[in-house]
Amino acid sequence: PDLRYMTADDEPVRTAVLGTPGIPDLVEAAVVAVHAYASGP
């Protein structure tokens, strides 16, 4: 209830999302995937 009406513009939401196990690893995996797409023929 404390975060429901907030958005990604609010620090508590950013902290909650980026503190979620797996999110930092998924961001890094997405960086790798973007580079893989960009290096294709």
PDB file of all heavy atoms in Angstrom:
ATOM      1  N   PRO A   1       0.817  -1.227   0.000  1.00  0.00           N
ATOM      2  CA  PRO A   1       0.000   0.000   0.000  1.00  0.00           C
ATOM      3  C   PRO A   1       0.851   1.278   0.000  1.00  0.00           C
ATOM      4  O   PRO A   1       0.434   2.293  -0.554  1.00  0.00           O
ATOM      5  CB  PRO A   1      -0.812  -0.115   1.289  1.00  0.00           C
ATOM      6  CG  PRO A   1      -0.818  -1.566   1.615  1.00  0.00           C
ATOM      7  CD  PRO A   1       0.482  -2.113   1.106  1.00  0.00           C
ATOM      8  N   ASP A   2       2.046   1.215   0.584  1.00  0.00           N
ATOM      9  CA  ASP A   2       2.916   2.397   0.618  1.00  0.00           C
ATOM     10  C   ASP A   2       3.474   2.750  -0.752  1.00  0.00           C
ATOM     11  O   ASP A   2       3.795   3.910  -1.016  1.00  0.00           O
ATOM     12  CB  ASP A   2       4.089   2.173   1.582  1.00  0.00           C
ATOM     13  CG  ASP A   2       3.640   2.073   3.030  1.00  0.00           C
ATOM     14  OD1 ASP A   2       2.536   2.572   3.357  1.00  0.00           O
ATOM     15  OD2 ASP A   2       4.391   1.491   3.833  1.00  0.00           O
ATOM     16  N   LEU A   3       3.617   1.759  -1.627  1.00  0.00           N
ATOM     17  CA  LEU A   3       4.228   1.981  -2.943  1.00  0.00           C
ATOM     18  C   LEU A   3       3.224   2.006  -4.093  1.00  0.00           C
ATOM     19  O   LEU A   3       3.538   2.485  -5.180  1.00  0.00           O
ATOM     20  CB  LEU A   3       5.271   0.893  -3.225  1.00  0.00           C
ATOM     21  CG  LEU A   3       6.424   0.770  -2.237  1.00  0.00           C
ATOM     22  CD1 LEU A   3       7.327  -0.399  -2.619  1.00  0.00           C
ATOM     23  CD2 LEU A   3       7.209   2.064  -2.138  1.00  0.00           C
ATOM     24  N   ARG A   4       2.034   1.496  -3.854  1.00  0.00           N
ATOM     25  CA  ARG A   4       1.050   1.294  -4.927  1.00  0.00           C
ATOM     26  C   ARG A   4       0.828   2.528  -5.787  1.00  0.00           C
ATOM     27  O   ARG A   4       0.774   2.445  -7.013  1.00  0.00           O
ATOM     28  CB  ARG A   4      -0.279   0.824  -4.340  1.00  0.00           C
ATOM     29  CG  ARG A   4      -1.341   0.572  -5.415  1.00  0.00           C
ATOM     30  CD  ARG A   4      -2.549  -0.136  -4.859  1.00  0.00           C
ATOM     31  NE  ARG A   4      -2.099  -1.404  -4.292  1.00  0.00           N
ATOM     32  CZ  ARG A   4      -2.595  -1.928  -3.177  1.00  0.00           C
ATOM     33  NH1 ARG A   4      -3.538  -1.318  -2.518  1.00  0.00           N
ATOM     34  NH2 ARG A   4      -2.140  -3.081  -2.736  1.00  0.00           N
ATOM     35  N   TYR A   5       0.687   3.682  -5.184  1.00  0.00           N
ATOM     36  CA  TYR A   5       0.353   4.886  -5.953  1.00  0.00           C
ATOM     37  C   TYR A   5       1.586   5.701  -6.340  1.00  0.00           C
ATOM     38  O   TYR A   5       1.471   6.756  -6.940  1.00  0.00           O
ATOM     39  CB  TYR A   5      -0.674   5.727  -5.200  1.00  0.00           C
ATOM     40  CG  TYR A   5      -2.001   5.001  -5.152  1.00  0.00           C
ATOM     41  CD1 TYR A   5      -2.343   4.211  -4.057  1.00  0.00           C
ATOM     42  CD2 TYR A   5      -2.871   5.037  -6.229  1.00  0.00           C
ATOM     43  CE1 TYR A   5      -3.529   3.502  -4.026  1.00  0.00           C
ATOM     44  CE2 TYR A   5      -4.062   4.339  -6.212  1.00  0.00           C
ATOM     45  CZ  TYR A   5      -4.385   3.562  -5.109  1.00  0.00           C
ATOM     46  OH  TYR A   5      -5.558   2.850  -5.098  1.00  0.00           O
ATOM     47  N   MET A   6       2.759   5.176  -5.993  1.00  0.00           N
ATOM     48  CA  MET A   6       4.001   5.789  -6.451  1.00  0.00           C
ATOM     49  C   MET A   6       4.344   5.217  -7.818  1.00  0.00           C
ATOM     50  O   MET A   6       3.696   4.287  -8.300  1.00  0.00           O
ATOM     51  CB  MET A   6       5.143   5.489  -5.472  1.00  0.00           C
ATOM     52  CG  MET A   6       4.996   6.145  -4.135  1.00  0.00           C
ATOM     53  SD  MET A   6       6.463   5.750  -3.138  1.00  0.00           S
ATOM     54  CE  MET A   6       6.003   6.523  -1.611  1.00  0.00           C
ATOM     55  N   THR A   7       5.383   5.770  -8.427  1.00  0.00           N
ATOM     56  CA  THR A   7       5.855   5.263  -9.713  1.00  0.00           C
ATOM     57  C   THR A   7       7.370   5.123  -9.676  1.00  0.00           C
ATOM     58  O   THR A   7       8.015   5.411  -8.660  1.00  0.00           O
ATOM     59  CB  THR A   7       5.491   6.217 -10.871  1.00  0.00           C
ATOM     60  OG1 THR A   7       6.287   7.405 -10.755  1.00  0.00           O
ATOM     61  CG2 THR A   7       4.011   6.560 -10.894  1.00  0.00           C
ATOM     62  N   ALA A   8       7.934   4.760 -10.794  1.00  0.00           N
ATOM     63  CA  ALA A   8       9.386   4.657 -10.935  1.00  0.00           C
ATOM     64  C   ALA A   8      10.068   6.002 -10.738  1.00  0.00           C
ATOM     65  O   ALA A   8      11.286   6.057 -10.579  1.00  0.00           O
ATOM     66  CB  ALA A   8       9.734   4.089 -12.305  1.00  0.00           C
ATOM     67  N   ASP A   9       9.311   7.077 -10.720  1.00  0.00           N
ATOM     68  CA  ASP A   9       9.877   8.401 -10.451  1.00  0.00           C
ATOM     69  C   ASP A   9      10.200   8.587  -8.963  1.00  0.00           C
ATOM     70  O   ASP A   9      10.889   9.535  -8.603  1.00  0.00           O
ATOM     71  CB  ASP A   9       8.909   9.506 -10.897  1.00  0.00           C
ATOM     72  CG  ASP A   9       8.758   9.561 -12.399  1.00  0.00           C
ATOM     73  OD1 ASP A   9       9.698   9.155 -13.119  1.00  0.00           O
ATOM     74  OD2 ASP A   9       7.701  10.029 -12.872  1.00  0.00           O
ATOM     75  N   ASP A  10       9.687   7.695  -8.122  1.00  0.00           N
ATOM     76  CA  ASP A  10       9.858   7.811  -6.678  1.00  0.00           C
ATOM     77  C   ASP A  10      10.960   6.869  -6.185  1.00  0.00           C
ATOM     78  O   ASP A  10      10.974   5.678  -6.514  1.00  0.00           O
ATOM     79  CB  ASP A  10       8.538   7.490  -5.967  1.00  0.00           C
ATOM     80  CG  ASP A  10       7.439   8.466  -6.357  1.00  0.00           C
ATOM     81  OD1 ASP A  10       7.603   9.665  -6.083  1.00  0.00           O
ATOM     82  OD2 ASP A  10       6.433   8.024  -6.945  1.00  0.00           O
ATOM     83  N   GLU A  11      11.851   7.412  -5.363  1.00  0.00           N
ATOM     84  CA  GLU A  11      13.004   6.644  -4.866  1.00  0.00           C
ATOM     85  C   GLU A  11      12.612   5.351  -4.160  1.00  0.00           C
ATOM     86  O   GLU A  11      13.268   4.315  -4.372  1.00  0.00           O
ATOM     87  CB  GLU A  11      13.877   7.518  -3.963  1.00  0.00           C
ATOM     88  CG  GLU A  11      15.132   6.817  -3.493  1.00  0.00           C
ATOM     89  CD  GLU A  11      16.031   6.337  -4.624  1.00  0.00           C
ATOM     90  OE1 GLU A  11      16.168   7.062  -5.641  1.00  0.00           O
ATOM     91  OE2 GLU A  11      16.593   5.230  -4.519  1.00  0.00           O
ATOM     92  N   PRO A  12      11.567   5.326  -3.309  1.00  0.00           N
ATOM     93  CA  PRO A  12      11.225   4.045  -2.661  1.00  0.00           C
ATOM     94  C   PRO A  12      10.892   2.935  -3.659  1.00  0.00           C
ATOM     95  O   PRO A  12      11.207   1.771  -3.418  1.00  0.00           O
ATOM     96  CB  PRO A  12      10.014   4.389  -1.795  1.00  0.00           C
ATOM     97  CG  PRO A  12      10.147   5.854  -1.517  1.00  0.00           C
ATOM     98  CD  PRO A  12      10.746   6.436  -2.781  1.00  0.00           C
ATOM     99  N   VAL A  13      10.293   3.288  -4.779  1.00  0.00           N
ATOM    100  CA  VAL A  13       9.980   2.285  -5.806  1.00  0.00           C
ATOM    101  C   VAL A  13      11.273   1.809  -6.465  1.00  0.00           C
ATOM    102  O   VAL A  13      11.491   0.600  -6.642  1.00  0.00           O
ATOM    103  CB  VAL A  13       8.995   2.843  -6.857  1.00  0.00           C
ATOM    104  CG1 VAL A  13       8.860   1.897  -8.047  1.00  0.00           C
ATOM    105  CG2 VAL A  13       7.639   3.102  -6.218  1.00  0.00           C
ATOM    106  N   ARG A  14      12.150   2.733  -6.820  1.00  0.00           N
ATOM    107  CA  ARG A  14      13.424   2.357  -7.444  1.00  0.00           C
ATOM    108  C   ARG A  14      14.228   1.449  -6.513  1.00  0.00           C
ATOM    109  O   ARG A  14      14.773   0.431  -6.937  1.00  0.00           O
ATOM    110  CB  ARG A  14      14.233   3.598  -7.818  1.00  0.00           C
ATOM    111  CG  ARG A  14      13.617   4.380  -8.960  1.00  0.00           C
ATOM    112  CD  ARG A  14      14.546   5.461  -9.500  1.00  0.00           C
ATOM    113  NE  ARG A  14      14.919   6.457  -8.503  1.00  0.00           N
ATOM    114  CZ  ARG A  14      14.224   7.558  -8.233  1.00  0.00           C
ATOM    115  NH1 ARG A  14      13.087   7.806  -8.878  1.00  0.00           N
ATOM    116  NH2 ARG A  14      14.647   8.416  -7.327  1.00  0.00           N
ATOM    117  N   THR A  15      14.271   1.800  -5.233  1.00  0.00           N
ATOM    118  CA  THR A  15      15.006   1.002  -4.256  1.00  0.00           C
ATOM    119  C   THR A  15      14.408  -0.401  -4.145  1.00  0.00           C
ATOM    120  O   THR A  15      15.143  -1.397  -4.113  1.00  0.00           O
ATOM    121  CB  THR A  15      14.998   1.705  -2.879  1.00  0.00           C
ATOM    122  OG1 THR A  15      15.651   2.968  -3.021  1.00  0.00           O
ATOM    123  CG2 THR A  15      15.698   0.873  -1.818  1.00  0.00           C
ATOM    124  N   ALA A  16      13.088  -0.495  -4.088  1.00  0.00           N
ATOM    125  CA  ALA A  16      12.420  -1.796  -3.974  1.00  0.00           C
ATOM    126  C   ALA A  16      12.698  -2.668  -5.204  1.00  0.00           C
ATOM    127  O   ALA A  16      13.026  -3.852  -5.073  1.00  0.00           O
ATOM    128  CB  ALA A  16      10.914  -1.611  -3.785  1.00  0.00           C
ATOM    129  N   VAL A  17      12.576  -2.088  -6.381  1.00  0.00           N
ATOM    130  CA  VAL A  17      12.765  -2.879  -7.599  1.00  0.00           C
ATOM    131  C   VAL A  17      14.229  -3.296  -7.754  1.00  0.00           C
ATOM    132  O   VAL A  17      14.528  -4.472  -7.982  1.00  0.00           O
ATOM    133  CB  VAL A  17      12.279  -2.111  -8.853  1.00  0.00           C
ATOM    134  CG1 VAL A  17      12.652  -2.859 -10.129  1.00  0.00           C
ATOM    135  CG2 VAL A  17      10.767  -1.892  -8.790  1.00  0.00           C
ATOM    136  N   LEU A  18      15.147  -2.357  -7.635  1.00  0.00           N
ATOM    137  CA  LEU A  18      16.562  -2.683  -7.829  1.00  0.00           C
ATOM    138  C   LEU A  18      17.122  -3.554  -6.713  1.00  0.00           C
ATOM    139  O   LEU A  18      18.140  -4.223  -6.896  1.00  0.00           O
ATOM    140  CB  LEU A  18      17.384  -1.401  -7.986  1.00  0.00           C
ATOM    141  CG  LEU A  18      17.059  -0.601  -9.253  1.00  0.00           C
ATOM    142  CD1 LEU A  18      17.843   0.705  -9.268  1.00  0.00           C
ATOM    143  CD2 LEU A  18      17.316  -1.420 -10.510  1.00  0.00           C
ATOM    144  N   GLY A  19      16.429  -3.588  -5.572  1.00  0.00           N
ATOM    145  CA  GLY A  19      16.827  -4.454  -4.476  1.00  0.00           C
ATOM    146  C   GLY A  19      16.238  -5.849  -4.558  1.00  0.00           C
ATOM    147  O   GLY A  19      16.507  -6.695  -3.707  1.00  0.00           O
ATOM    148  N   THR A  20      15.440  -6.106  -5.559  1.00  0.00           N
ATOM    149  CA  THR A  20      14.818  -7.414  -5.732  1.00  0.00           C
ATOM    150  C   THR A  20      15.857  -8.403  -6.261  1.00  0.00           C
ATOM    151  O   THR A  20      16.495  -8.135  -7.283  1.00  0.00           O
ATOM    152  CB  THR A  20      13.643  -7.329  -6.726  1.00  0.00           C
ATOM    153  OG1 THR A  20      12.673  -6.416  -6.217  1.00  0.00           O
ATOM    154  CG2 THR A  20      12.994  -8.688  -6.938  1.00  0.00           C
ATOM    155  N   PRO A  21      16.043  -9.537  -5.577  1.00  0.00           N
ATOM    156  CA  PRO A  21      16.998 -10.535  -6.072  1.00  0.00           C
ATOM    157  C   PRO A  21      16.676 -10.909  -7.525  1.00  0.00           C
ATOM    158  O   PRO A  21      15.533 -11.133  -7.886  1.00  0.00           O
ATOM    159  CB  PRO A  21      16.789 -11.727  -5.138  1.00  0.00           C
ATOM    160  CG  PRO A  21      16.270 -11.116  -3.870  1.00  0.00           C
ATOM    161  CD  PRO A  21      15.412  -9.958  -4.327  1.00  0.00           C
ATOM    162  N   GLY A  22      17.722 -10.935  -8.328  1.00  0.00           N
ATOM    163  CA  GLY A  22      17.579 -11.300  -9.736  1.00  0.00           C
ATOM    164  C   GLY A  22      17.521 -10.110 -10.677  1.00  0.00           C
ATOM    165  O   GLY A  22      17.932 -10.230 -11.831  1.00  0.00           O
ATOM    166  N   ILE A  23      17.007  -8.985 -10.233  1.00  0.00           N
ATOM    167  CA  ILE A  23      16.873  -7.828 -11.129  1.00  0.00           C
ATOM    168  C   ILE A  23      18.239  -7.331 -11.612  1.00  0.00           C
ATOM    169  O   ILE A  23      18.428  -7.151 -12.829  1.00  0.00           O
ATOM    170  CB  ILE A  23      16.052  -6.694 -10.480  1.00  0.00           C
ATOM    171  CG1 ILE A  23      14.578  -7.094 -10.371  1.00  0.00           C
ATOM    172  CG2 ILE A  23      16.192  -5.392 -11.256  1.00  0.00           C
ATOM    173  CD1 ILE A  23      13.804  -7.161 -11.670  1.00  0.00           C
ATOM    174  N   PRO A  24      19.215  -7.105 -10.734  1.00  0.00           N
ATOM    175  CA  PRO A  24      20.515  -6.643 -11.249  1.00  0.00           C
ATOM    176  C   PRO A  24      21.135  -7.616 -12.258  1.00  0.00           C
ATOM    177  O   PRO A  24      21.696  -7.190 -13.270  1.00  0.00           O
ATOM    178  CB  PRO A  24      21.376  -6.518  -9.985  1.00  0.00           C
ATOM    179  CG  PRO A  24      20.387  -6.289  -8.886  1.00  0.00           C
ATOM    180  CD  PRO A  24      19.195  -7.129  -9.264  1.00  0.00           C
ATOM    181  N   ASP A  25      21.003  -8.917 -12.003  1.00  0.00           N
ATOM    182  CA  ASP A  25      21.530  -9.907 -12.937  1.00  0.00           C
ATOM    183  C   ASP A  25      20.785  -9.870 -14.268  1.00  0.00           C
ATOM    184  O   ASP A  25      21.390 -10.038 -15.335  1.00  0.00           O
ATOM    185  CB  ASP A  25      21.434 -11.316 -12.345  1.00  0.00           C
ATOM    186  CG  ASP A  25      22.368 -11.525 -11.168  1.00  0.00           C
ATOM    187  OD1 ASP A  25      23.391 -10.800 -11.061  1.00  0.00           O
ATOM    188  OD2 ASP A  25      22.079 -12.411 -10.340  1.00  0.00           O
ATOM    189  N   LEU A  26      19.481  -9.663 -14.212  1.00  0.00           N
ATOM    190  CA  LEU A  26      18.693  -9.598 -15.442  1.00  0.00           C
ATOM    191  C   LEU A  26      19.055  -8.352 -16.257  1.00  0.00           C
ATOM    192  O   LEU A  26      19.110  -8.404 -17.485  1.00  0.00           O
ATOM    193  CB  LEU A  26      17.194  -9.622 -15.124  1.00  0.00           C
ATOM    194  CG  LEU A  26      16.261  -9.737 -16.325  1.00  0.00           C
ATOM    195  CD1 LEU A  26      16.567 -10.979 -17.161  1.00  0.00           C
ATOM    196  CD2 LEU A  26      14.808  -9.759 -15.858  1.00  0.00           C
ATOM    197  N   VAL A  27      19.313  -7.248 -15.583  1.00  0.00           N
ATOM    198  CA  VAL A  27      19.751  -6.039 -16.290  1.00  0.00           C
ATOM    199  C   VAL A  27      21.060  -6.333 -17.024  1.00  0.00           C
ATOM    200  O   VAL A  27      21.205  -6.001 -18.213  1.00  0.00           O
ATOM    201  CB  VAL A  27      19.909  -4.837 -15.335  1.00  0.00           C
ATOM    202  CG1 VAL A  27      20.584  -3.671 -16.041  1.00  0.00           C
ATOM    203  CG2 VAL A  27      18.554  -4.404 -14.781  1.00  0.00           C
ATOM    204  N   GLU A  28      22.002  -6.961 -16.333  1.00  0.00           N
ATOM    205  CA  GLU A  28      23.285  -7.282 -16.971  1.00  0.00           C
ATOM    206  C   GLU A  28      23.094  -8.245 -18.141  1.00  0.00           C
ATOM    207  O   GLU A  28      23.746  -8.112 -19.179  1.00  0.00           O
ATOM    208  CB  GLU A  28      24.269  -7.854 -15.949  1.00  0.00           C
ATOM    209  CG  GLU A  28      24.825  -6.815 -15.012  1.00  0.00           C
ATOM    210  CD  GLU A  28      25.473  -5.629 -15.721  1.00  0.00           C
ATOM    211  OE1 GLU A  28      26.238  -5.820 -16.687  1.00  0.00           O
ATOM    212  OE2 GLU A  28      25.174  -4.486 -15.317  1.00  0.00           O
ATOM    213  N   ALA A  29      22.213  -9.222 -17.984  1.00  0.00           N
ATOM    214  CA  ALA A  29      21.928 -10.159 -19.076  1.00  0.00           C
ATOM    215  C   ALA A  29      21.317  -9.427 -20.268  1.00  0.00           C
ATOM    216  O   ALA A  29      21.621  -9.745 -21.422  1.00  0.00           O
ATOM    217  CB  ALA A  29      20.998 -11.271 -18.589  1.00  0.00           C
ATOM    218  N   ALA A  30      20.471  -8.444 -20.002  1.00  0.00           N
ATOM    219  CA  ALA A  30      19.872  -7.662 -21.084  1.00  0.00           C
ATOM    220  C   ALA A  30      20.930  -6.846 -21.820  1.00  0.00           C
ATOM    221  O   ALA A  30      20.872  -6.697 -23.046  1.00  0.00           O
ATOM    222  CB  ALA A  30      18.763  -6.760 -20.543  1.00  0.00           C
ATOM    223  N   VAL A  31      21.906  -6.308 -21.076  1.00  0.00           N
ATOM    224  CA  VAL A  31      23.011  -5.588 -21.715  1.00  0.00           C
ATOM    225  C   VAL A  31      23.737  -6.520 -22.681  1.00  0.00           C
ATOM    226  O   VAL A  31      24.006  -6.157 -23.833  1.00  0.00           O
ATOM    227  CB  VAL A  31      23.992  -5.008 -20.664  1.00  0.00           C
ATOM    228  CG1 VAL A  31      25.275  -4.511 -21.314  1.00  0.00           C
ATOM    229  CG2 VAL A  31      23.333  -3.892 -19.868  1.00  0.00           C
ATOM    230  N   VAL A  32      24.038  -7.733 -22.230  1.00  0.00           N
ATOM    231  CA  VAL A  32      24.721  -8.711 -23.078  1.00  0.00           C
ATOM    232  C   VAL A  32      23.861  -9.040 -24.299  1.00  0.00           C
ATOM    233  O   VAL A  32      24.357  -9.110 -25.425  1.00  0.00           O
ATOM    234  CB  VAL A  32      25.063  -9.988 -22.273  1.00  0.00           C
ATOM    235  CG1 VAL A  32      25.579 -11.094 -23.183  1.00  0.00           C
ATOM    236  CG2 VAL A  32      26.085  -9.666 -21.189  1.00  0.00           C
ATOM    237  N   ALA A  33      22.558  -9.228 -24.087  1.00  0.00           N
ATOM    238  CA  ALA A  33      21.658  -9.554 -25.203  1.00  0.00           C
ATOM    239  C   ALA A  33      21.593  -8.416 -26.213  1.00  0.00           C
ATOM    240  O   ALA A  33      21.601  -8.661 -27.429  1.00  0.00           O
ATOM    241  CB  ALA A  33      20.262  -9.881 -24.666  1.00  0.00           C
ATOM    242  N   VAL A  34      21.541  -7.187 -25.745  1.00  0.00           N
ATOM    243  CA  VAL A  34      21.523  -6.032 -26.658  1.00  0.00           C
ATOM    244  C   VAL A  34      22.782  -6.034 -27.512  1.00  0.00           C
ATOM    245  O   VAL A  34      22.721  -5.845 -28.738  1.00  0.00           O
ATOM    246  CB  VAL A  34      21.381  -4.704 -25.875  1.00  0.00           C
ATOM    247  CG1 VAL A  34      21.708  -3.507 -26.761  1.00  0.00           C
ATOM    248  CG2 VAL A  34      19.971  -4.574 -25.309  1.00  0.00           C
ATOM    249  N   HIS A  35      23.927  -6.263 -26.896  1.00  0.00           N
ATOM    250  CA  HIS A  35      25.180  -6.302 -27.660  1.00  0.00           C
ATOM    251  C   HIS A  35      25.191  -7.460 -28.653  1.00  0.00           C
ATOM    252  O   HIS A  35      25.726  -7.322 -29.762  1.00  0.00           O
ATOM    253  CB  HIS A  35      26.377  -6.359 -26.727  1.00  0.00           C
ATOM    254  CG  HIS A  35      26.645  -5.046 -26.074  1.00  0.00           C
ATOM    255  ND1 HIS A  35      26.586  -4.874 -24.722  1.00  0.00           N
ATOM    256  CD2 HIS A  35      26.941  -3.825 -26.593  1.00  0.00           C
ATOM    257  CE1 HIS A  35      26.854  -3.613 -24.426  1.00  0.00           C
ATOM    258  NE2 HIS A  35      27.060  -2.957 -25.542  1.00  0.00           N
ATOM    259  N   ALA A  36      24.605  -8.594 -28.282  1.00  0.00           N
ATOM    260  CA  ALA A  36      24.537  -9.732 -29.197  1.00  0.00           C
ATOM    261  C   ALA A  36      23.686  -9.384 -30.421  1.00  0.00           C
ATOM    262  O   ALA A  36      24.081  -9.652 -31.560  1.00  0.00           O
ATOM    263  CB  ALA A  36      23.969 -10.956 -28.476  1.00  0.00           C
ATOM    264  N   TYR A  37      22.519  -8.764 -30.193  1.00  0.00           N
ATOM    265  CA  TYR A  37      21.684  -8.336 -31.324  1.00  0.00           C
ATOM    266  C   TYR A  37      22.428  -7.336 -32.199  1.00  0.00           C
ATOM    267  O   TYR A  37      22.382  -7.404 -33.423  1.00  0.00           O
ATOM    268  CB  TYR A  37      20.377  -7.707 -30.834  1.00  0.00           C
ATOM    269  CG  TYR A  37      19.295  -8.695 -30.525  1.00  0.00           C
ATOM    270  CD1 TYR A  37      19.045  -9.095 -29.219  1.00  0.00           C
ATOM    271  CD2 TYR A  37      18.507  -9.232 -31.531  1.00  0.00           C
ATOM    272  CE1 TYR A  37      18.051 -10.005 -28.920  1.00  0.00           C
ATOM    273  CE2 TYR A  37      17.508 -10.145 -31.252  1.00  0.00           C
ATOM    274  CZ  TYR A  37      17.285 -10.529 -29.942  1.00  0.00           C
ATOM    275  OH  TYR A  37      16.297 -11.436 -29.662  1.00  0.00           O
ATOM    276  N   ALA A  38      23.130  -6.411 -31.571  1.00  0.00           N
ATOM    277  CA  ALA A  38      23.816  -5.358 -32.318  1.00  0.00           C
ATOM    278  C   ALA A  38      25.001  -5.884 -33.118  1.00  0.00           C
ATOM    279  O   ALA A  38      25.426  -5.243 -34.086  1.00  0.00           O
ATOM    280  CB  ALA A  38      24.283  -4.260 -31.359  1.00  0.00           C
ATOM    281  N   SER A  39      25.534  -7.029 -32.735  1.00  0.00           N
ATOM    282  CA  SER A  39      26.689  -7.560 -33.448  1.00  0.00           C
ATOM    283  C   SER A  39      26.312  -8.531 -34.558  1.00  0.00           C
ATOM    284  O   SER A  39      27.178  -9.034 -35.257  1.00  0.00           O
ATOM    285  CB  SER A  39      27.650  -8.240 -32.468  1.00  0.00           C
ATOM    286  OG  SER A  39      27.047  -9.400 -31.924  1.00  0.00           O
ATOM    287  N   GLY A  40      25.031  -8.787 -34.732  1.00  0.00           N
ATOM    288  CA  GLY A  40      24.586  -9.714 -35.762  1.00  0.00           C
ATOM    289  C   GLY A  40      24.865  -9.188 -37.165  1.00  0.00           C
ATOM    290  O   GLY A  40      25.167  -8.007 -37.356  1.00  0.00           O
ATOM    291  N   PRO A  41      24.758 -10.056 -38.149  1.00  0.00           N
ATOM    292  CA  PRO A  41      25.080  -9.661 -39.517  1.00  0.00           C
ATOM    293  C   PRO A  41      24.158  -8.578 -40.085  1.00  0.00           C
ATOM    294  O   PRO A  41      24.545  -7.855 -40.995  1.00  0.00           O
ATOM    295  CB  PRO A  41      24.950 -10.968 -40.311  1.00  0.00           C
ATOM    296  CG  PRO A  41      24.152 -11.880 -39.453  1.00  0.00           C
ATOM    297  CD  PRO A  41      24.358 -11.446 -38.034  1.00  0.00           C
TER     298      PRO A  41
END
